[in-house]
Amino acid sequence: MIQVASLNFGEKCANGTNQRINRPWSNCTDIPFSNKYNRTSIACSLNKTCVALRKAPTPDFMKRYAIFLLPIVGFAFYLIAELNNGRFNIPDFEVYYQSAERLTQAESLYTNDLGFFYRYKYSPSAALPFLVFTVLPLFAAKIAWWLVSIAIIVANLWLVARLAHHGLPEPDNRRYTWLILPLMLTMGSFYEADIHLGQVNQLNFLLFLGMAWFHWYKPKAWAVGLLWAISFSFKPFALILLPYFLWKKEWKILGWIAAATAVWLLLPVLFYGNWEMWQNEMVGWLRELSIELSRKQDLLAPRGFTMFAILARYTPARWLIEFDASGTLLFQLSVLGIAAVLILRLMLRGQNGPRQALYEWALILGLIPMIASTGRAMFVFLSLGLYLLFQSFSRFHVAIKGAIVGACLLLGGNIGELWGRDLSEGYNNLGLIGIAAVLLWSILLWQAMRGKEELS
C-alpha cells in the first residue's frame, strides 16, 4: 500500500521500523504528492510505504517577493523623472488609445492622420483591450497604462520563476532573489524601452507565458486558445506554436484556437455595424503586415537583430549567397528549418523528464525575437530560457559561464543614456543584441540536449 503519512518530522514507517531507503523524488513516480510538501521530503521505505519526513518551509511572503519591489519602485521614480523632464509621451500607447476611440466611433484604424509618425499596425480586435482606457482623458490614461505596464513586468517575472521552479524543491528566499536579480538587470533596458514608448511587448510576452502556464503547468485548453487569439491579433508571432501543438497532437487546444480566433477577430463587427467595413479593416491590417515584413528583408543592413541577419553578416554566407529576394527567402527558410529540426530532435529525445516541456517552451519563446524581431524590446522573450541557465550556472564549465555573462552584458548593455547616442547607435548597427541572443539560445539548446539538468 502506498500512502503519505502524517507530517511529523522523523515519523516511523507504517511497519514500526526506522528502515528507510531515501531516493530522489523523481524515482518515486508512484507516490501521490501534495503541494504542501517538498518532493525532497518524501522517503520511500523498504515496504513501499511513504512518509513525509519534514514539512516544506513556508516562505515569508515579504522576503520571498521583496525583489519584485525593485521594478515597482524603480519605474515609479522613472515616471516622476519623465514627468519632470518633459519626456512623458509614450507615443505608441497614444496610437492604441486613439485607435480604440476610433473603433467606438466606427472609423477606420488604418489612416495616417494621427498627427505624428507612429501608426496603428495591429488587427482591429487588438484595439479592444484599450477600450477601458478611453473612459479617461489621454494624460490620465497614459499614467494608468504606465502602472499597468509595471504590473505586467512583475507578473512576467513571477510567471517565469514559477514555471522554472516547477517540479523542483522550493528555493530559499536568498536563492530566489539571486535568480531574479540578474534577469531583471539583463532585461532592464528592454523594460525601459517598452514603458518609455508605451509598447505592448511585455503584454504579448505575458500572453505567451500564460499559454505555457495553461498548456503545461495548469492544463486548460480553452485558456490557451483564448490567449493565442489575443496574441495573434497584435502580432502573428503565435503562429510559431501551431506546428508545436500539431506535433504534440493537442487537437483540443487547436480547436479552441480556431474558435477563439474567429470570435475575437469578428468582435469589431459589433462596432462597425456591417461586414463591409470589417472586411476593409482586415485588408488594412494585412497591408500593414506586408509593409512591416518588407522592411525586414535586407539581411545585410545595419540594425539587424534576427538570427538571419546575424548569420548573413557574420558568417561566410555573406560571400557565398546572393541576398536578392529569392536568395534571402531560401536562406531564411534554411536557417528556420535547421532550428526546427534541432527543437524536434530535442522533443524526440525527451531526456529532461517532467521538465522537458519547459525547455521546449523556453526555446520556442527565445526563437521568436530571433526570427521576427520588430525592435530590441522583443528580446524579453528570452527571459524564461535565461532563468533556466541561471539555475544551473554554478555547475557550468568556466568557459560556458564566461559566455553567458558576456552574452548577458551584450544583450542588456545598450543603455543610450549611459553610452551616448552615437555609441548606442553603433552598438545597434553591429547587431550585438542579436549576437548575444543567438549565443544564449544555443547554450540553452546545448543544456537541454545534454538531458541532465544540473541545478546550482
Protein backbone atom coordinates (compact mmCIF):
# COMPACT_ATOMS: atom_id res chain seq x y z
CA MET A 1 0.00 0.00 0.00
CA ILE A 2 1.30 3.43 -0.91
CA GLN A 3 0.35 6.33 1.28
CA VAL A 4 1.56 9.66 2.51
CA ALA A 5 1.64 9.59 6.26
CA SER A 6 1.28 12.44 8.73
CA LEU A 7 3.53 15.45 8.90
CA ASN A 8 5.65 14.92 11.96
CA PHE A 9 9.36 15.10 11.42
CA GLY A 10 11.04 11.68 11.50
CA GLU A 11 7.81 9.70 11.84
CA LYS A 12 8.35 5.95 11.60
CA CYS A 13 7.17 3.85 8.70
CA ALA A 14 3.87 2.03 8.98
CA ASN A 15 5.63 -1.22 9.86
CA GLY A 16 7.01 0.39 13.01
CA THR A 17 10.65 0.27 11.91
CA ASN A 18 13.11 3.01 11.10
CA GLN A 19 14.34 1.28 7.96
CA ARG A 20 14.17 3.61 5.00
CA ILE A 21 15.71 3.92 1.58
CA ASN A 22 15.98 7.57 0.67
CA ARG A 23 15.73 8.01 -3.08
CA PRO A 24 15.48 11.10 -5.25
CA TRP A 25 11.88 12.23 -5.55
CA SER A 26 11.99 11.76 -9.31
CA ASN A 27 12.20 7.99 -8.74
CA CYS A 28 9.09 7.98 -6.55
CA THR A 29 6.77 8.40 -9.50
CA ASP A 30 4.02 6.29 -7.96
CA ILE A 31 3.65 8.49 -4.87
CA PRO A 32 0.58 10.73 -4.56
CA PHE A 33 2.02 14.15 -3.87
CA SER A 34 0.54 17.11 -2.07
CA ASN A 35 1.75 20.60 -2.90
CA LYS A 36 2.11 21.25 0.81
CA TYR A 37 5.37 19.31 0.87
CA ASN A 38 8.66 19.45 -0.95
CA ARG A 39 9.26 16.48 -3.17
CA THR A 40 12.58 16.04 -1.39
CA SER A 41 10.62 15.48 1.82
CA ILE A 42 9.29 12.16 0.59
CA ALA A 43 11.16 8.97 1.54
CA CYS A 44 10.45 5.54 0.10
CA SER A 45 10.67 2.82 2.73
CA LEU A 46 11.53 -0.84 2.27
CA ASN A 47 7.88 -1.87 2.37
CA LYS A 48 6.89 0.80 -0.18
CA THR A 49 5.13 2.88 2.47
CA CYS A 50 5.96 6.55 2.09
CA VAL A 51 6.18 9.08 4.89
CA ALA A 52 6.68 12.83 4.93
CA LEU A 53 9.96 13.41 6.76
CA ARG A 54 9.57 17.16 7.05
CA LYS A 55 7.09 19.84 6.21
CA ALA A 56 8.10 22.15 3.42
CA PRO A 57 9.16 25.53 4.78
CA THR A 58 6.54 28.21 4.36
CA PRO A 59 8.31 31.15 2.69
CA ASP A 60 7.99 34.54 4.24
CA PHE A 61 5.90 36.36 1.66
CA MET A 62 7.67 39.70 2.02
CA LYS A 63 11.15 38.20 2.00
CA ARG A 64 10.36 35.96 -0.95
CA TYR A 65 8.80 38.63 -3.15
CA ALA A 66 10.65 41.73 -1.93
CA ILE A 67 12.78 41.56 -5.08
CA PHE A 68 9.69 42.50 -7.10
CA LEU A 69 9.60 45.84 -5.32
CA LEU A 70 12.72 46.82 -7.30
CA PRO A 71 10.98 47.35 -10.68
CA ILE A 72 7.91 48.83 -8.96
CA VAL A 73 9.90 51.44 -7.04
CA GLY A 74 12.39 51.96 -9.88
CA PHE A 75 9.76 52.70 -12.51
CA ALA A 76 7.75 54.83 -10.09
CA PHE A 77 10.79 57.12 -9.75
CA TYR A 78 11.32 56.87 -13.50
CA LEU A 79 7.77 58.14 -14.05
CA ILE A 80 8.46 61.14 -11.81
CA ALA A 81 11.69 61.83 -13.72
CA GLU A 82 9.93 61.56 -17.10
CA LEU A 83 7.23 63.99 -15.97
CA ASN A 84 9.81 66.40 -14.58
CA ASN A 85 11.95 66.30 -17.74
CA GLY A 86 9.03 66.64 -20.14
CA ARG A 87 9.72 63.22 -21.70
CA PHE A 88 6.44 61.60 -20.71
CA ASN A 89 4.99 60.93 -24.16
CA ILE A 90 4.61 57.11 -24.57
CA PRO A 91 3.62 57.65 -28.23
CA ASP A 92 2.81 54.01 -29.01
CA PHE A 93 0.14 53.95 -26.32
CA GLU A 94 -1.32 57.13 -27.78
CA VAL A 95 -1.80 55.25 -31.06
CA TYR A 96 -3.63 52.43 -29.24
CA TYR A 97 -5.74 54.94 -27.32
CA GLN A 98 -6.80 56.88 -30.39
CA SER A 99 -7.42 53.65 -32.31
CA ALA A 100 -9.72 52.41 -29.55
CA GLU A 101 -11.61 55.73 -29.72
CA ARG A 102 -11.93 55.37 -33.49
CA LEU A 103 -13.23 51.83 -33.07
CA THR A 104 -16.04 53.08 -30.81
CA GLN A 105 -16.89 55.66 -33.50
CA ALA A 106 -16.80 53.06 -36.32
CA GLU A 107 -13.93 54.87 -38.04
CA SER A 108 -11.04 53.29 -39.93
CA LEU A 109 -7.97 52.50 -37.84
CA TYR A 110 -5.54 52.45 -40.75
CA THR A 111 -5.18 56.11 -41.64
CA ASN A 112 -2.01 58.13 -41.27
CA ASP A 113 -3.60 61.30 -39.86
CA LEU A 114 -2.88 60.82 -36.16
CA GLY A 115 -0.60 63.84 -36.22
CA PHE A 116 2.76 62.10 -35.71
CA PHE A 117 5.00 59.39 -37.15
CA TYR A 118 3.54 56.39 -35.34
CA ARG A 119 0.71 54.43 -36.93
CA TYR A 120 -1.57 51.57 -35.97
CA LYS A 121 -0.24 48.22 -37.26
CA TYR A 122 -2.33 45.62 -35.45
CA SER A 123 -5.67 43.93 -36.16
CA PRO A 124 -8.92 45.81 -35.40
CA SER A 125 -9.59 43.48 -32.46
CA ALA A 126 -6.23 44.38 -30.88
CA ALA A 127 -7.77 47.76 -30.03
CA LEU A 128 -10.38 46.08 -27.83
CA PRO A 129 -8.20 45.76 -24.68
CA PHE A 130 -7.60 49.53 -24.80
CA LEU A 131 -11.28 50.47 -24.77
CA VAL A 132 -11.21 50.60 -20.99
CA PHE A 133 -8.62 53.41 -21.11
CA THR A 134 -10.82 55.62 -23.29
CA VAL A 135 -13.03 56.44 -20.30
CA LEU A 136 -10.07 58.51 -19.04
CA PRO A 137 -8.55 61.66 -20.51
CA LEU A 138 -5.43 60.89 -22.56
CA PHE A 139 -2.94 62.05 -19.92
CA ALA A 140 -4.63 60.05 -17.16
CA ALA A 141 -4.86 57.05 -19.49
CA LYS A 142 -1.11 57.26 -20.08
CA ILE A 143 -0.47 57.21 -16.34
CA ALA A 144 -2.81 54.22 -16.00
CA TRP A 145 -1.04 52.33 -18.81
CA TRP A 146 2.33 53.07 -17.22
CA LEU A 147 1.13 51.48 -13.97
CA VAL A 148 -0.41 48.54 -15.82
CA SER A 149 2.90 48.02 -17.65
CA ILE A 150 4.78 47.84 -14.35
CA ALA A 151 2.28 45.27 -13.08
CA ILE A 152 2.75 43.23 -16.29
CA ILE A 153 6.54 43.24 -15.89
CA VAL A 154 6.22 41.97 -12.31
CA ALA A 155 3.70 39.34 -13.42
CA ASN A 156 6.07 38.16 -16.14
CA LEU A 157 8.95 37.82 -13.69
CA TRP A 158 6.75 35.88 -11.27
CA LEU A 159 5.47 33.56 -14.02
CA VAL A 160 8.99 32.90 -15.31
CA ALA A 161 10.11 31.93 -11.80
CA ARG A 162 7.05 29.77 -11.12
CA LEU A 163 7.41 27.90 -14.40
CA ALA A 164 11.17 27.43 -13.99
CA HIS A 165 10.83 26.01 -10.46
CA HIS A 166 8.00 23.63 -11.29
CA GLY A 167 8.95 20.09 -10.27
CA LEU A 168 11.82 21.26 -8.10
CA PRO A 169 12.16 21.90 -4.35
CA GLU A 170 11.17 25.42 -3.38
CA PRO A 171 14.27 27.63 -3.34
CA ASP A 172 15.06 29.61 -0.24
CA ASN A 173 14.48 33.36 -0.28
CA ARG A 174 18.11 34.23 -0.92
CA ARG A 175 18.45 31.92 -3.92
CA TYR A 176 15.15 33.18 -5.31
CA THR A 177 16.46 36.74 -5.14
CA TRP A 178 19.78 35.88 -6.79
CA LEU A 179 17.99 34.23 -9.71
CA ILE A 180 15.51 37.06 -10.32
CA LEU A 181 18.00 39.93 -9.88
CA PRO A 182 20.38 39.11 -12.78
CA LEU A 183 17.36 38.52 -15.02
CA MET A 184 15.99 41.97 -14.19
CA LEU A 185 19.40 43.58 -14.75
CA THR A 186 19.81 41.88 -18.12
CA MET A 187 16.31 42.77 -19.28
CA GLY A 188 16.18 46.21 -17.64
CA SER A 189 16.90 48.20 -20.81
CA PHE A 190 14.10 46.32 -22.61
CA TYR A 191 11.68 47.08 -19.78
CA GLU A 192 12.61 50.75 -20.02
CA ALA A 193 12.17 50.86 -23.81
CA ASP A 194 8.78 49.20 -23.59
CA ILE A 195 7.50 51.51 -20.86
CA HIS A 196 9.02 54.70 -22.26
CA LEU A 197 7.34 54.19 -25.65
CA GLY A 198 4.19 52.57 -24.27
CA GLN A 199 4.61 49.41 -26.34
CA VAL A 200 2.91 46.02 -25.92
CA ASN A 201 5.91 43.65 -25.97
CA GLN A 202 5.53 42.91 -22.27
CA LEU A 203 1.81 42.32 -22.71
CA ASN A 204 2.48 39.94 -25.59
CA PHE A 205 5.10 38.10 -23.53
CA LEU A 206 2.56 37.77 -20.72
CA LEU A 207 0.13 36.15 -23.16
CA PHE A 208 2.79 33.63 -24.23
CA LEU A 209 3.72 32.83 -20.62
CA GLY A 210 0.03 32.36 -19.95
CA MET A 211 -0.14 29.87 -22.82
CA ALA A 212 2.82 27.96 -21.39
CA TRP A 213 1.16 28.01 -17.95
CA PHE A 214 -2.15 26.62 -19.20
CA HIS A 215 -0.56 24.14 -21.57
CA TRP A 216 1.99 22.57 -19.25
CA TYR A 217 1.63 23.80 -15.67
CA LYS A 218 -2.17 24.02 -15.22
CA PRO A 219 -3.65 22.46 -18.38
CA LYS A 220 -6.70 24.35 -19.70
CA ALA A 221 -7.20 24.10 -23.47
CA TRP A 222 -9.76 26.92 -23.66
CA ALA A 223 -7.37 29.35 -21.92
CA VAL A 224 -4.55 28.52 -24.34
CA GLY A 225 -6.93 29.12 -27.26
CA LEU A 226 -8.12 32.48 -25.94
CA LEU A 227 -4.61 33.76 -25.15
CA TRP A 228 -3.39 32.60 -28.56
CA ALA A 229 -6.18 34.52 -30.29
CA ILE A 230 -5.45 37.75 -28.40
CA SER A 231 -1.71 37.46 -29.03
CA PHE A 232 -2.26 36.77 -32.74
CA SER A 233 -4.35 39.92 -33.05
CA PHE A 234 -1.32 42.01 -32.01
CA LYS A 235 1.42 40.25 -33.98
CA PRO A 236 1.32 36.88 -35.76
CA PHE A 237 4.17 35.52 -33.62
CA ALA A 238 1.79 32.95 -32.14
CA LEU A 239 1.82 31.09 -35.48
CA ILE A 240 5.10 29.51 -34.33
CA LEU A 241 3.13 27.45 -31.82
CA LEU A 242 0.84 25.77 -34.36
CA PRO A 243 3.44 23.21 -35.58
CA TYR A 244 4.31 22.53 -31.93
CA PHE A 245 0.69 21.80 -30.98
CA LEU A 246 0.25 19.71 -34.13
CA TRP A 247 3.31 17.61 -33.26
CA LYS A 248 2.01 17.17 -29.72
CA LYS A 249 -1.42 16.19 -31.13
CA GLU A 250 -3.10 18.83 -29.00
CA TRP A 251 -6.32 18.65 -31.00
CA LYS A 252 -8.42 20.16 -28.24
CA ILE A 253 -6.13 23.18 -27.98
CA LEU A 254 -6.10 23.61 -31.76
CA GLY A 255 -9.90 23.51 -31.80
CA TRP A 256 -10.10 26.19 -29.13
CA ILE A 257 -7.54 28.29 -31.04
CA ALA A 258 -9.67 28.17 -34.19
CA ALA A 259 -12.88 29.02 -32.32
CA ALA A 260 -11.38 31.75 -30.11
CA THR A 261 -9.56 33.39 -33.03
CA ALA A 262 -12.70 33.50 -35.16
CA VAL A 263 -14.74 35.08 -32.37
CA TRP A 264 -12.02 37.53 -31.32
CA LEU A 265 -11.34 38.77 -34.85
CA LEU A 266 -15.08 39.18 -35.52
CA LEU A 267 -15.85 41.23 -32.41
CA PRO A 268 -15.14 44.62 -34.08
CA VAL A 269 -18.21 43.98 -36.29
CA LEU A 270 -20.26 44.99 -33.26
CA PHE A 271 -18.78 48.49 -33.55
CA TYR A 272 -18.75 48.80 -37.34
CA GLY A 273 -22.28 47.56 -37.77
CA ASN A 274 -21.65 46.00 -41.18
CA TRP A 275 -19.47 43.34 -42.76
CA GLU A 276 -18.06 45.54 -45.50
CA MET A 277 -16.38 47.89 -43.03
CA TRP A 278 -14.94 44.95 -41.14
CA GLN A 279 -13.58 43.41 -44.34
CA ASN A 280 -11.93 46.70 -45.33
CA GLU A 281 -10.29 46.96 -41.93
CA MET A 282 -8.97 43.39 -42.15
CA VAL A 283 -7.49 44.23 -45.55
CA GLY A 284 -5.88 47.29 -43.95
CA TRP A 285 -4.33 45.07 -41.27
CA LEU A 286 -2.92 42.67 -43.87
CA ARG A 287 -1.48 45.64 -45.77
CA GLU A 288 0.27 46.87 -42.62
CA LEU A 289 1.69 43.37 -42.04
CA SER A 290 3.01 43.32 -45.60
CA ILE A 291 4.68 46.71 -45.13
CA GLU A 292 6.23 45.58 -41.85
CA LEU A 293 7.61 42.39 -43.37
CA SER A 294 9.06 44.20 -46.37
CA ARG A 295 11.19 46.34 -44.05
CA LYS A 296 12.93 43.28 -42.54
CA GLN A 297 14.24 41.66 -45.72
CA ASP A 298 17.64 43.36 -46.14
CA LEU A 299 19.68 40.97 -44.02
CA LEU A 300 22.96 42.82 -44.62
CA ALA A 301 21.64 46.19 -43.47
CA PRO A 302 22.64 47.70 -40.08
CA ARG A 303 20.45 47.16 -37.01
CA GLY A 304 19.72 43.57 -37.96
CA PHE A 305 18.83 41.70 -34.75
CA THR A 306 17.39 38.47 -36.17
CA MET A 307 19.42 35.29 -36.40
CA PHE A 308 19.01 35.52 -40.19
CA ALA A 309 20.76 38.91 -40.19
CA ILE A 310 23.47 37.78 -37.77
CA LEU A 311 24.31 34.66 -39.79
CA ALA A 312 24.15 36.58 -43.07
CA ARG A 313 26.50 39.32 -41.85
CA TYR A 314 28.98 37.38 -39.72
CA THR A 315 29.40 34.02 -41.47
CA PRO A 316 30.77 33.02 -44.89
CA ALA A 317 27.16 33.09 -46.13
CA ARG A 318 27.74 36.81 -46.72
CA TRP A 319 30.02 36.00 -49.67
CA LEU A 320 28.55 32.65 -50.75
CA ILE A 321 24.89 33.69 -51.15
CA GLU A 322 23.41 36.40 -53.29
CA PHE A 323 20.85 38.02 -51.00
CA ASP A 324 18.29 39.04 -53.57
CA ALA A 325 14.59 38.30 -52.94
CA SER A 326 14.79 34.58 -53.74
CA GLY A 327 18.19 34.08 -52.12
CA THR A 328 17.03 35.80 -48.94
CA LEU A 329 13.88 33.70 -48.73
CA LEU A 330 15.80 30.45 -49.32
CA PHE A 331 18.38 31.40 -46.69
CA GLN A 332 15.69 32.26 -44.12
CA LEU A 333 13.81 29.02 -44.75
CA SER A 334 17.04 27.01 -44.45
CA VAL A 335 18.01 28.60 -41.13
CA LEU A 336 14.49 28.26 -39.78
CA GLY A 337 14.40 24.63 -40.90
CA ILE A 338 17.65 23.87 -39.05
CA ALA A 339 16.28 25.47 -35.85
CA ALA A 340 13.06 23.46 -36.21
CA VAL A 341 14.98 20.20 -36.69
CA LEU A 342 17.06 20.88 -33.58
CA ILE A 343 13.96 21.50 -31.46
CA LEU A 344 12.26 18.44 -32.98
CA ARG A 345 15.28 16.32 -32.11
CA LEU A 346 15.07 17.58 -28.54
CA MET A 347 11.37 16.65 -28.38
CA LEU A 348 12.07 13.16 -29.78
CA ARG A 349 14.83 12.51 -27.24
CA GLY A 350 12.74 13.72 -24.30
CA GLN A 351 15.61 13.42 -21.84
CA ASN A 352 14.58 16.12 -19.38
CA GLY A 353 11.83 14.18 -17.64
CA PRO A 354 8.90 16.20 -16.36
CA ARG A 355 10.75 19.42 -17.27
CA GLN A 356 11.05 18.52 -20.96
CA ALA A 357 8.12 20.73 -21.97
CA LEU A 358 9.66 23.62 -20.01
CA TYR A 359 12.78 23.54 -22.19
CA GLU A 360 10.68 23.23 -25.33
CA TRP A 361 8.68 26.34 -24.40
CA ALA A 362 11.81 28.28 -23.41
CA LEU A 363 13.47 27.52 -26.76
CA ILE A 364 10.37 28.37 -28.79
CA LEU A 365 9.84 31.65 -26.92
CA GLY A 366 13.51 32.53 -27.35
CA LEU A 367 13.26 31.86 -31.07
CA ILE A 368 10.51 34.44 -31.62
CA PRO A 369 12.61 37.65 -31.41
CA MET A 370 15.38 35.97 -33.41
CA ILE A 371 13.14 35.28 -36.41
CA ALA A 372 10.69 38.18 -36.22
CA SER A 373 12.26 40.98 -34.23
CA THR A 374 10.36 44.26 -34.53
CA GLY A 375 12.66 46.02 -32.06
CA ARG A 376 15.11 45.27 -29.30
CA ALA A 377 12.42 45.20 -26.58
CA MET A 378 11.20 41.93 -28.13
CA PHE A 379 14.16 40.12 -26.57
CA VAL A 380 12.33 39.86 -23.25
CA PHE A 381 11.06 36.60 -24.78
CA LEU A 382 14.44 35.11 -23.84
CA SER A 383 13.65 35.56 -20.13
CA LEU A 384 12.47 32.01 -19.42
CA GLY A 385 15.47 30.42 -21.11
CA LEU A 386 17.86 32.82 -19.39
CA TYR A 387 16.37 31.98 -15.98
CA LEU A 388 16.92 28.27 -16.68
CA LEU A 389 20.58 28.98 -17.45
CA PHE A 390 20.93 30.93 -14.20
CA GLN A 391 19.51 27.94 -12.30
CA SER A 392 22.40 25.76 -13.48
CA PHE A 393 25.03 28.50 -13.65
CA SER A 394 27.41 27.34 -10.91
CA ARG A 395 27.62 23.84 -12.43
CA PHE A 396 28.73 25.04 -15.87
CA HIS A 397 32.32 24.99 -17.08
CA VAL A 398 34.10 28.31 -16.68
CA ALA A 399 34.04 28.85 -20.46
CA ILE A 400 30.24 28.46 -20.54
CA LYS A 401 29.92 30.79 -17.54
CA GLY A 402 32.01 33.40 -19.34
CA ALA A 403 29.91 33.05 -22.49
CA ILE A 404 26.67 33.50 -20.51
CA VAL A 405 27.96 36.54 -18.62
CA GLY A 406 29.34 38.12 -21.80
CA ALA A 407 26.13 37.48 -23.71
CA CYS A 408 24.04 38.99 -20.90
CA LEU A 409 26.20 42.12 -20.91
CA LEU A 410 25.82 42.42 -24.68
CA LEU A 411 22.11 41.69 -24.58
CA GLY A 412 21.15 44.29 -21.99
CA GLY A 413 24.15 46.61 -22.11
CA ASN A 414 22.98 49.12 -24.70
CA ILE A 415 21.85 51.97 -22.44
CA GLY A 416 21.74 55.07 -24.60
CA GLU A 417 21.62 57.48 -21.67
CA LEU A 418 24.85 55.92 -20.35
CA TRP A 419 26.91 55.45 -23.53
CA GLY A 420 25.62 58.38 -25.54
CA ARG A 421 23.63 58.43 -28.76
CA ASP A 422 26.49 57.79 -31.22
CA LEU A 423 27.89 54.83 -29.31
CA SER A 424 24.42 53.42 -28.78
CA GLU A 425 23.64 53.67 -32.50
CA GLY A 426 26.91 51.90 -33.33
CA TYR A 427 26.00 49.19 -30.83
CA ASN A 428 22.67 48.63 -32.57
CA ASN A 429 24.15 48.84 -36.07
CA LEU A 430 26.54 45.98 -35.27
CA GLY A 431 23.64 43.81 -34.15
CA LEU A 432 25.33 42.93 -30.85
CA ILE A 433 21.97 42.22 -29.22
CA GLY A 434 21.22 39.63 -31.89
CA ILE A 435 24.67 38.02 -31.47
CA ALA A 436 24.08 37.72 -27.71
CA ALA A 437 20.61 36.24 -28.26
CA VAL A 438 21.90 33.59 -30.68
CA LEU A 439 24.66 32.64 -28.23
CA LEU A 440 22.31 32.33 -25.24
CA TRP A 441 19.75 30.35 -27.25
CA SER A 442 22.50 27.99 -28.43
CA ILE A 443 23.72 27.40 -24.87
CA LEU A 444 20.16 26.71 -23.72
CA LEU A 445 19.71 24.20 -26.56
CA TRP A 446 23.00 22.52 -25.62
CA GLN A 447 21.88 22.32 -21.98
CA ALA A 448 18.56 20.78 -22.99
CA MET A 449 20.22 18.32 -25.38
CA ARG A 450 22.51 17.06 -22.62
CA GLY A 451 19.43 15.61 -20.96
CA LYS A 452 20.80 16.01 -17.44
CA GLU A 453 19.87 19.23 -15.77
CA GLU A 454 22.36 20.14 -13.06
CA LEU A 455 20.92 22.74 -10.76
CA SER A 456 23.14 25.11 -8.83
